[in-house]
């Protein structure tokens, strides 16, 4: 009986490790997406400056307060 419980406990720990790895991958992807978004926004500003048509209306995307960014910071690996 105790051996089965120990095996079950080890299986749960393994699953937790796998989840932590998945969260790390997700965080890495999020960082890549943020970097690309920043580069695109910089390119948009550069195009705006070089075109000289400041009277044109543009749609801005701002994602600085996303809940995904704050919730992932609560998960820490120990």
Protein backbone atom coordinates (compact mmCIF):
# COMPACT_ATOMS: atom_id res chain seq x y z
CA UNK A 1 0.00 0.00 0.00
CA UNK A 2 2.74 2.48 0.94
CA UNK A 3 4.68 1.65 -2.24
CA UNK A 4 1.64 2.49 -4.37
CA UNK A 5 1.21 5.82 -2.58
CA UNK A 6 4.90 6.64 -3.04
CA UNK A 7 4.68 5.77 -6.74
CA UNK A 8 1.56 7.95 -7.07
CA UNK A 9 3.36 10.81 -5.29
CA UNK A 10 6.37 10.50 -7.64
CA UNK A 11 4.02 10.52 -10.63
CA UNK A 12 2.39 13.73 -9.37
CA UNK A 13 5.83 15.33 -8.87
CA UNK A 14 6.79 14.34 -12.43
CA UNK A 15 3.60 15.92 -13.77
CA UNK A 16 4.33 19.11 -11.82
CA UNK A 17 7.82 19.23 -13.34
CA UNK A 18 6.32 18.82 -16.82
CA UNK A 19 3.86 21.65 -16.15
CA UNK A 20 6.68 23.91 -14.96
CA UNK A 21 8.57 23.19 -18.18
CA UNK A 22 5.45 24.04 -20.19
CA UNK A 23 5.02 27.30 -18.27
CA UNK A 24 8.67 28.15 -18.97
CA UNK A 25 8.10 27.54 -22.69
CA UNK A 26 4.99 29.71 -22.64
CA UNK A 27 6.88 32.52 -20.90
CA UNK A 28 9.65 32.27 -23.50
CA UNK A 29 7.13 32.46 -26.35
CA UNK A 30 5.44 35.44 -24.66
CA UNK A 31 8.81 37.23 -24.47
CA UNK A 32 9.46 36.55 -28.16
CA UNK A 33 6.02 37.88 -29.10
CA UNK A 34 6.56 41.02 -27.01
CA UNK A 35 9.94 41.62 -28.68
CA UNK A 36 8.41 41.25 -32.15
CA UNK A 37 5.52 43.54 -31.20
CA UNK A 38 7.99 46.17 -29.98
CA UNK A 39 9.98 45.92 -33.21
CA UNK A 40 6.81 46.30 -35.30
CA UNK A 41 5.72 49.34 -33.28
CA UNK A 42 9.18 50.90 -33.75
CA UNK A 43 8.99 50.22 -37.49
CA UNK A 44 5.52 51.80 -37.62
CA UNK A 45 6.84 54.92 -35.90
CA UNK A 46 9.77 55.05 -38.32
CA UNK A 47 7.45 54.72 -41.33
CA UNK A 48 5.23 57.43 -39.86
CA UNK A 49 8.21 59.76 -39.47
CA UNK A 50 9.57 59.08 -42.94
CA UNK A 51 6.19 59.38 -44.71
CA UNK A 52 5.43 62.77 -43.20
CA UNK A 53 1.67 62.17 -43.34
CA UNK A 54 0.88 62.92 -39.71
CA UNK A 55 -2.75 63.82 -40.45
CA UNK A 56 -3.63 60.20 -41.07
CA UNK A 57 -5.58 58.32 -38.37
CA UNK A 58 -3.91 55.15 -37.13
CA UNK A 59 -5.10 52.37 -34.87
CA UNK A 60 -2.76 51.63 -31.95
CA UNK A 61 -2.48 48.33 -30.13
CA UNK A 62 -1.43 48.55 -26.50
CA UNK A 63 -1.06 45.34 -24.52
CA UNK A 64 1.03 46.42 -21.57
CA UNK A 65 -1.47 45.46 -18.86
CA UNK A 66 -2.31 41.96 -20.05
CA UNK A 67 -3.44 39.60 -17.34
CA UNK A 68 -1.37 36.75 -18.80
CA UNK A 69 1.80 38.66 -18.01
CA UNK A 70 0.87 39.24 -14.41
CA UNK A 71 -0.50 35.78 -13.72
CA UNK A 72 2.64 34.04 -14.99
CA UNK A 73 4.76 36.06 -12.59
CA UNK A 74 2.96 34.42 -9.67
CA UNK A 75 4.33 31.00 -10.65
CA UNK A 76 7.81 30.53 -9.25
CA UNK A 77 9.94 27.43 -9.44
CA UNK A 78 11.38 26.22 -6.13
